[in-house]
C-alpha atoms as a PDB file:
ATOM      1  CA  MET A   1     -11.685  49.971 -57.104  1.00  0.00           C
ATOM      2  CA  THR A   2      -8.832  47.412 -57.839  1.00  0.00           C
ATOM      3  CA  ARG A   3      -5.301  48.516 -57.286  1.00  0.00           C
ATOM      4  CA  VAL A   4      -2.329  47.009 -59.123  1.00  0.00           C
ATOM      5  CA  ILE A   5       1.146  47.630 -57.666  1.00  0.00           C
ATOM      6  CA  LEU A   6       3.743  46.993 -60.201  1.00  0.00           C
ATOM      7  CA  ILE A   7       7.403  46.228 -59.139  1.00  0.00           C
ATOM      8  CA  ARG A   8      10.376  45.950 -61.434  1.00  0.00           C
ATOM      9  CA  HIS A   9      12.746  43.108 -60.367  1.00  0.00           C
ATOM     10  CA  CYS A  10      16.032  43.869 -58.537  1.00  0.00           C
ATOM     11  CA  GLU A  11      19.377  44.142 -60.134  1.00  0.00           C
ATOM     12  CA  ALA A  12      20.541  40.975 -61.939  1.00  0.00           C
ATOM     13  CA  GLU A  13      23.725  39.992 -63.582  1.00  0.00           C
ATOM     14  CA  GLY A  14      22.436  40.891 -66.934  1.00  0.00           C
ATOM     15  CA  ASN A  15      21.983  44.486 -65.744  1.00  0.00           C
ATOM     16  CA  VAL A  16      25.627  44.684 -64.437  1.00  0.00           C
ATOM     17  CA  LYS A  17      27.059  43.111 -67.686  1.00  0.00           C
ATOM     18  CA  GLN A  18      24.787  45.362 -69.656  1.00  0.00           C
ATOM     19  CA  ILE A  19      23.559  42.565 -71.899  1.00  0.00           C
ATOM     20  CA  PHE A  20      20.173  42.240 -73.482  1.00  0.00           C
ATOM     21  CA  GLN A  21      18.629  40.117 -70.779  1.00  0.00           C
ATOM     22  CA  GLY A  22      14.861  39.558 -71.943  1.00  0.00           C
ATOM     23  CA  ARG A  23      14.223  35.891 -71.111  1.00  0.00           C
ATOM     24  CA  THR A  24      17.814  35.129 -70.187  1.00  0.00           C
ATOM     25  CA  ASP A  25      17.327  33.872 -66.627  1.00  0.00           C
ATOM     26  CA  ALA A  26      20.300  35.578 -64.850  1.00  0.00           C
ATOM     27  CA  PRO A  27      20.785  35.325 -61.126  1.00  0.00           C
ATOM     28  CA  ILE A  28      20.437  38.497 -58.933  1.00  0.00           C
ATOM     29  CA  THR A  29      23.502  40.329 -57.603  1.00  0.00           C
ATOM     30  CA  GLU A  30      24.580  41.339 -54.104  1.00  0.00           C
ATOM     31  CA  ASN A  31      23.460  44.903 -55.039  1.00  0.00           C
ATOM     32  CA  GLY A  32      20.160  43.408 -55.965  1.00  0.00           C
ATOM     33  CA  ARG A  33      19.854  41.744 -52.535  1.00  0.00           C
ATOM     34  CA  GLN A  34      20.374  45.024 -50.945  1.00  0.00           C
ATOM     35  CA  GLN A  35      17.790  46.654 -53.011  1.00  0.00           C
ATOM     36  CA  LEU A  36      15.386  43.890 -52.182  1.00  0.00           C
ATOM     37  CA  GLU A  37      15.872  44.415 -48.343  1.00  0.00           C
ATOM     38  CA  LEU A  38      14.835  48.165 -48.730  1.00  0.00           C
ATOM     39  CA  LEU A  39      11.931  47.263 -51.013  1.00  0.00           C
ATOM     40  CA  ALA A  40      10.606  44.806 -48.498  1.00  0.00           C
ATOM     41  CA  LEU A  41      10.812  47.536 -45.782  1.00  0.00           C
ATOM     42  CA  ARG A  42       9.092  49.985 -47.978  1.00  0.00           C
ATOM     43  CA  LEU A  43       6.083  47.645 -48.640  1.00  0.00           C
ATOM     44  CA  ARG A  44       6.007  46.088 -45.053  1.00  0.00           C
ATOM     45  CA  ASN A  45       2.722  48.105 -44.293  1.00  0.00           C
ATOM     46  CA  THR A  46       1.302  48.200 -47.824  1.00  0.00           C
ATOM     47  CA  LYS A  47      -1.976  46.379 -48.166  1.00  0.00           C
ATOM     48  CA  ILE A  48      -1.504  43.450 -50.605  1.00  0.00           C
ATOM     49  CA  ASP A  49      -4.148  40.813 -51.024  1.00  0.00           C
ATOM     50  CA  VAL A  50      -2.628  38.884 -53.783  1.00  0.00           C
ATOM     51  CA  LEU A  51       0.867  38.528 -55.163  1.00  0.00           C
ATOM     52  CA  TYR A  52       1.954  37.572 -58.695  1.00  0.00           C
ATOM     53  CA  SER A  53       5.366  37.206 -60.321  1.00  0.00           C
ATOM     54  CA  SER A  54       6.951  36.399 -63.473  1.00  0.00           C
ATOM     55  CA  PRO A  55       8.667  33.099 -63.388  1.00  0.00           C
ATOM     56  CA  LEU A  56      12.056  34.334 -64.282  1.00  0.00           C
ATOM     57  CA  VAL A  57      14.416  34.366 -61.040  1.00  0.00           C
ATOM     58  CA  ARG A  58      15.032  38.068 -60.863  1.00  0.00           C
ATOM     59  CA  ALA A  59      11.325  38.815 -60.744  1.00  0.00           C
ATOM     60  CA  TYR A  60      10.523  35.777 -58.376  1.00  0.00           C
ATOM     61  CA  GLU A  61      13.355  36.662 -55.885  1.00  0.00           C
ATOM     62  CA  THR A  62      11.636  40.149 -55.863  1.00  0.00           C
ATOM     63  CA  ALA A  63       8.351  38.605 -55.144  1.00  0.00           C
ATOM     64  CA  VAL A  64       9.858  36.667 -52.182  1.00  0.00           C
ATOM     65  CA  ALA A  65      11.260  40.024 -50.782  1.00  0.00           C
ATOM     66  CA  VAL A  66       7.839  41.668 -51.198  1.00  0.00           C
ATOM     67  CA  ASN A  67       6.309  38.662 -49.388  1.00  0.00           C
ATOM     68  CA  GLN A  68       8.579  38.977 -46.299  1.00  0.00           C
ATOM     69  CA  TYR A  69       5.936  40.879 -44.253  1.00  0.00           C
ATOM     70  CA  HIS A  70       2.935  39.496 -46.048  1.00  0.00           C
ATOM     71  CA  ASN A  71       2.992  35.696 -46.204  1.00  0.00           C
ATOM     72  CA  LEU A  72       0.931  35.235 -49.322  1.00  0.00           C
ATOM     73  CA  PRO A  73       1.211  32.487 -51.878  1.00  0.00           C
ATOM     74  CA  ILE A  74       3.423  33.674 -54.853  1.00  0.00           C
ATOM     75  CA  LEU A  75       1.595  32.968 -57.986  1.00  0.00           C
ATOM     76  CA  GLN A  76       3.607  32.674 -61.162  1.00  0.00           C
ATOM     77  CA  GLU A  77       2.284  33.963 -64.411  1.00  0.00           C
ATOM     78  CA  GLN A  78       3.935  33.452 -67.866  1.00  0.00           C
ATOM     79  CA  GLY A  79       2.305  36.629 -69.028  1.00  0.00           C
ATOM     80  CA  LEU A  80       4.324  38.815 -66.787  1.00  0.00           C
ATOM     81  CA  MET A  81       7.522  37.824 -68.397  1.00  0.00           C
ATOM     82  CA  GLU A  82      10.027  40.103 -70.095  1.00  0.00           C
ATOM     83  CA  LEU A  83      10.165  40.448 -73.876  1.00  0.00           C
ATOM     84  CA  ASP A  84      11.574  37.601 -75.564  1.00  0.00           C
ATOM     85  CA  GLY A  85      14.481  39.012 -77.370  1.00  0.00           C
ATOM     86  CA  GLY A  86      15.144  36.113 -79.777  1.00  0.00           C
ATOM     87  CA  GLU A  87      18.578  36.513 -81.382  1.00  0.00           C
ATOM     88  CA  TRP A  88      19.285  39.511 -79.201  1.00  0.00           C
ATOM     89  CA  GLU A  89      19.428  37.471 -75.957  1.00  0.00           C
ATOM     90  CA  GLY A  90      22.560  37.757 -74.104  1.00  0.00           C
ATOM     91  CA  VAL A  91      24.143  40.199 -76.623  1.00  0.00           C
ATOM     92  CA  PRO A  92      25.869  43.283 -75.012  1.00  0.00           C
ATOM     93  CA  TRP A  93      24.111  46.360 -75.620  1.00  0.00           C
ATOM     94  CA  THR A  94      27.340  48.050 -77.160  1.00  0.00           C
ATOM     95  CA  ASP A  95      27.361  45.309 -79.802  1.00  0.00           C
ATOM     96  CA  LEU A  96      23.714  45.591 -81.016  1.00  0.00           C
ATOM     97  CA  PRO A  97      24.347  48.418 -83.343  1.00  0.00           C
ATOM     98  CA  GLU A  98      26.986  46.362 -85.294  1.00  0.00           C
ATOM     99  CA  LYS A  99      25.070  43.027 -85.151  1.00  0.00           C
ATOM    100  CA  PHE A 100      21.669  44.251 -85.954  1.00  0.00           C
ATOM    101  CA  PRO A 101      22.022  47.809 -87.273  1.00  0.00           C
ATOM    102  CA  GLU A 102      18.461  48.256 -88.677  1.00  0.00           C
ATOM    103  CA  MET A 103      16.531  46.922 -85.541  1.00  0.00           C
ATOM    104  CA  ALA A 104      18.917  48.609 -83.203  1.00  0.00           C
ATOM    105  CA  GLU A 105      18.082  51.852 -84.658  1.00  0.00           C
ATOM    106  CA  ILE A 106      14.316  50.978 -84.495  1.00  0.00           C
ATOM    107  CA  TRP A 107      14.879  49.898 -80.713  1.00  0.00           C
ATOM    108  CA  TRP A 108      16.044  53.387 -79.812  1.00  0.00           C
ATOM    109  CA  LYS A 109      14.037  55.616 -82.096  1.00  0.00           C
ATOM    110  CA  THR A 110      10.710  53.833 -82.870  1.00  0.00           C
ATOM    111  CA  PRO A 111      10.565  50.879 -80.430  1.00  0.00           C
ATOM    112  CA  HIS A 112       6.913  50.143 -81.249  1.00  0.00           C
ATOM    113  CA  GLU A 113       8.195  48.766 -84.409  1.00  0.00           C
ATOM    114  CA  PHE A 114      10.758  46.478 -82.846  1.00  0.00           C
ATOM    115  CA  VAL A 115      10.769  42.661 -83.350  1.00  0.00           C
ATOM    116  CA  SER A 116      13.599  40.290 -83.245  1.00  0.00           C
ATOM    117  CA  GLU A 117      14.111  37.114 -85.180  1.00  0.00           C
ATOM    118  CA  ARG A 118      12.839  34.064 -82.958  1.00  0.00           C
ATOM    119  CA  GLY A 119      11.439  36.473 -80.341  1.00  0.00           C
ATOM    120  CA  GLU A 120       8.593  38.785 -79.756  1.00  0.00           C
ATOM    121  CA  SER A 121       7.556  42.092 -81.308  1.00  0.00           C
ATOM    122  CA  MET A 122       7.023  45.058 -79.066  1.00  0.00           C
ATOM    123  CA  ARG A 123       3.273  44.962 -79.982  1.00  0.00           C
ATOM    124  CA  GLN A 124       3.047  41.579 -78.623  1.00  0.00           C
ATOM    125  CA  VAL A 125       4.464  42.683 -75.545  1.00  0.00           C
ATOM    126  CA  TYR A 126       2.251  45.715 -75.288  1.00  0.00           C
ATOM    127  CA  ASP A 127      -0.846  43.462 -75.649  1.00  0.00           C
ATOM    128  CA  ARG A 128       0.456  40.520 -73.637  1.00  0.00           C
ATOM    129  CA  ILE A 129       1.233  42.473 -70.371  1.00  0.00           C
ATOM    130  CA  TRP A 130      -2.016  44.442 -70.593  1.00  0.00           C
ATOM    131  CA  ASP A 131      -4.219  41.319 -71.300  1.00  0.00           C
ATOM    132  CA  THR A 132      -2.434  39.408 -68.436  1.00  0.00           C
ATOM    133  CA  VAL A 133      -3.017  42.097 -65.817  1.00  0.00           C
ATOM    134  CA  MET A 134      -6.499  42.665 -66.862  1.00  0.00           C
ATOM    135  CA  ARG A 135      -7.225  39.060 -66.363  1.00  0.00           C
ATOM    136  CA  LEU A 136      -5.651  39.141 -62.978  1.00  0.00           C
ATOM    137  CA  ILE A 137      -7.929  42.308 -62.187  1.00  0.00           C
ATOM    138  CA  ARG A 138     -10.997  40.385 -63.310  1.00  0.00           C
ATOM    139  CA  GLU A 139     -10.022  37.451 -61.092  1.00  0.00           C
ATOM    140  CA  ASN A 140      -9.511  39.656 -58.023  1.00  0.00           C
ATOM    141  CA  PRO A 141     -12.008  42.576 -58.215  1.00  0.00           C
ATOM    142  CA  GLY A 142     -11.669  44.999 -55.319  1.00  0.00           C
ATOM    143  CA  LYS A 143      -8.298  43.715 -54.142  1.00  0.00           C
ATOM    144  CA  THR A 144      -4.771  45.088 -54.066  1.00  0.00           C
ATOM    145  CA  ILE A 145      -2.696  43.023 -56.729  1.00  0.00           C
ATOM    146  CA  ALA A 146       1.069  43.149 -56.278  1.00  0.00           C
ATOM    147  CA  VAL A 147       3.036  42.184 -59.661  1.00  0.00           C
ATOM    148  CA  THR A 148       6.617  41.662 -59.943  1.00  0.00           C
ATOM    149  CA  SER A 149       7.817  42.002 -63.505  1.00  0.00           C
ATOM    150  CA  HIS A 150      10.424  43.408 -65.852  1.00  0.00           C
ATOM    151  CA  GLY A 151      11.467  46.908 -67.156  1.00  0.00           C
ATOM    152  CA  CYS A 152      10.256  46.538 -70.782  1.00  0.00           C
ATOM    153  CA  ALA A 153       7.059  44.915 -69.780  1.00  0.00           C
ATOM    154  CA  ILE A 154       6.133  47.453 -67.134  1.00  0.00           C
ATOM    155  CA  ARG A 155       7.073  50.293 -69.518  1.00  0.00           C
ATOM    156  CA  ASN A 156       4.548  48.909 -72.062  1.00  0.00           C
ATOM    157  CA  PHE A 157       1.873  48.483 -69.345  1.00  0.00           C
ATOM    158  CA  LEU A 158       2.312  52.048 -68.156  1.00  0.00           C
ATOM    159  CA  CYS A 159       2.123  53.426 -71.564  1.00  0.00           C
ATOM    160  CA  ARG A 160      -1.289  51.840 -72.145  1.00  0.00           C
ATOM    161  CA  ALA A 161      -2.506  52.794 -68.586  1.00  0.00           C
ATOM    162  CA  GLU A 162      -1.810  56.273 -69.534  1.00  0.00           C
ATOM    163  CA  GLY A 163      -4.189  55.718 -72.477  1.00  0.00           C
ATOM    164  CA  TRP A 164      -1.392  56.079 -75.091  1.00  0.00           C
ATOM    165  CA  PRO A 165      -1.056  54.021 -78.165  1.00  0.00           C
ATOM    166  CA  ILE A 166       2.261  52.023 -78.541  1.00  0.00           C
ATOM    167  CA  GLU A 167       3.456  54.469 -80.901  1.00  0.00           C
ATOM    168  CA  GLN A 168       4.074  56.846 -77.847  1.00  0.00           C
ATOM    169  CA  LEU A 169       6.101  54.128 -75.984  1.00  0.00           C
ATOM    170  CA  ASN A 170       9.208  56.217 -76.195  1.00  0.00           C
ATOM    171  CA  GLU A 171       7.663  59.041 -74.105  1.00  0.00           C
ATOM    172  CA  MET A 172       7.260  56.614 -71.135  1.00  0.00           C
ATOM    173  CA  ASP A 173      10.580  56.422 -69.189  1.00  0.00           C
ATOM    174  CA  TRP A 174      12.336  53.256 -67.923  1.00  0.00           C
ATOM    175  CA  SER A 175      12.111  52.256 -64.351  1.00  0.00           C
ATOM    176  CA  ASP A 176      15.025  51.623 -61.974  1.00  0.00           C
ATOM    177  CA  ASN A 177      15.420  48.165 -60.521  1.00  0.00           C
ATOM    178  CA  THR A 178      12.791  47.617 -57.604  1.00  0.00           C
ATOM    179  CA  ALA A 179      10.930  50.683 -58.758  1.00  0.00           C
ATOM    180  CA  VAL A 180       7.271  50.945 -57.758  1.00  0.00           C
ATOM    181  CA  SER A 181       4.209  51.930 -59.851  1.00  0.00           C
ATOM    182  CA  ILE A 182       0.607  51.978 -58.788  1.00  0.00           C
ATOM    183  CA  VAL A 183      -2.317  51.992 -60.958  1.00  0.00           C
ATOM    184  CA  ASP A 184      -6.018  52.008 -59.917  1.00  0.00           C
ATOM    185  CA  PHE A 185      -8.925  50.459 -61.878  1.00  0.00           C
ATOM    186  CA  ASP A 186     -12.484  51.234 -61.588  1.00  0.00           C
ATOM    187  CA  GLU A 187     -15.346  48.851 -62.207  1.00  0.00           C
ATOM    188  CA  GLU A 188     -15.258  49.786 -65.849  1.00  0.00           C
ATOM    189  CA  LEU A 189     -11.392  48.857 -65.921  1.00  0.00           C
ATOM    190  CA  ASN A 190     -10.645  52.545 -66.581  1.00  0.00           C
ATOM    191  CA  ALA A 191      -6.932  53.060 -65.368  1.00  0.00           C
ATOM    192  CA  VAL A 192      -5.506  55.927 -63.233  1.00  0.00           C
ATOM    193  CA  ILE A 193      -1.848  55.992 -62.553  1.00  0.00           C
ATOM    194  CA  ARG A 194      -1.111  57.012 -58.887  1.00  0.00           C
ATOM    195  CA  LEU A 195       2.603  56.455 -58.805  1.00  0.00           C
ATOM    196  CA  LYS A 196       5.107  55.948 -61.532  1.00  0.00           C
ATOM    197  CA  ASN A 197       8.504  54.274 -61.577  1.00  0.00           C
ATOM    198  CA  ASP A 198       9.152  55.391 -57.850  1.00  0.00           C
ATOM    199  CA  ALA A 199      12.477  54.171 -56.536  1.00  0.00           C
ATOM    200  CA  SER A 200      12.808  56.486 -53.593  1.00  0.00           C
ATOM    201  CA  HIS A 201      13.713  53.693 -51.230  1.00  0.00           C
ATOM    202  CA  LEU A 202      17.109  53.450 -52.889  1.00  0.00           C
ATOM    203  CA  ALA A 203      20.028  55.640 -52.436  1.00  0.00           C
ATOM    204  CA  GLY A 204      23.733  55.851 -53.530  1.00  0.00           C
ATOM    205  CA  ALA A 205      25.207  52.700 -55.237  1.00  0.00           C
ATOM    206  CA  LEU A 206      21.877  50.934 -54.994  1.00  0.00           C
ATOM    207  CA  ILE A 207      20.461  53.259 -57.688  1.00  0.00           C
ATOM    208  CA  CYS A 208      21.354  51.618 -61.107  1.00  0.00           C
ATOM    209  CA  ALA A 209      22.189  53.358 -64.414  1.00  0.00           C
ATOM    210  CA  SER A 210      19.057  54.209 -66.293  1.00  0.00           C
ATOM    211  CA  PRO A 211      18.633  52.118 -69.563  1.00  0.00           C
ATOM    212  CA  ARG A 212      18.096  55.535 -70.999  1.00  0.00           C
ATOM    213  CA  ASP A 213      21.893  55.809 -70.591  1.00  0.00           C
ATOM    214  CA  TRP A 214      23.196  52.351 -71.588  1.00  0.00           C
ATOM    215  CA  THR A 215      20.826  51.065 -74.050  1.00  0.00           C
ATOM    216  CA  ARG A 216      21.054  54.211 -76.099  1.00  0.00           C
ATOM    217  CA  LYS A 217      23.670  54.824 -78.878  1.00  0.00           C
ATOM    218  CA  ASN A 218      26.220  57.701 -78.207  1.00  0.00           C
END
């Protein structure tokens, strides 16, 4: 069995400003640093054999925190990055319906059909994150692999790990910042989700607003 621990990055400025963050490499917040302290404590006794991170700062800083009690090399993987939002990058969520009415409607109602000019389609993310993690599993059979990545990317991965087609993406909930998911893979690479979007190490103000709330039209 190979275990994959998926960890969403801590709070970054884009989350606070409620902009489409995507590949925008925003720094983490003070709230995010506090989240990372609790995440590090949560995972201090968790077996981790290898640690991978998206190169974006918010994910890499999250990997550094995970690594506090493990002292592993942090291996950066481009395939773990967030969806490239193209023309959506840096735009406030509240402005998206006005700027891009047709595609904004797709984002909320049928996200599997989403594609932004100069960016990625949701279908590309669904395949990219899966193919990347499958490669890491083949390179590390029998190990426990920790991965720090992003909300949309992890949502796509968990959708596919459930055995769902991308058309069911809206049935998969979003994760909070620093939420942890665990997926086990057998020798035939069949997936079993053991833990999904768990942020029980957070409390109070460290719990962030769900994208279900602030990325959805009123």
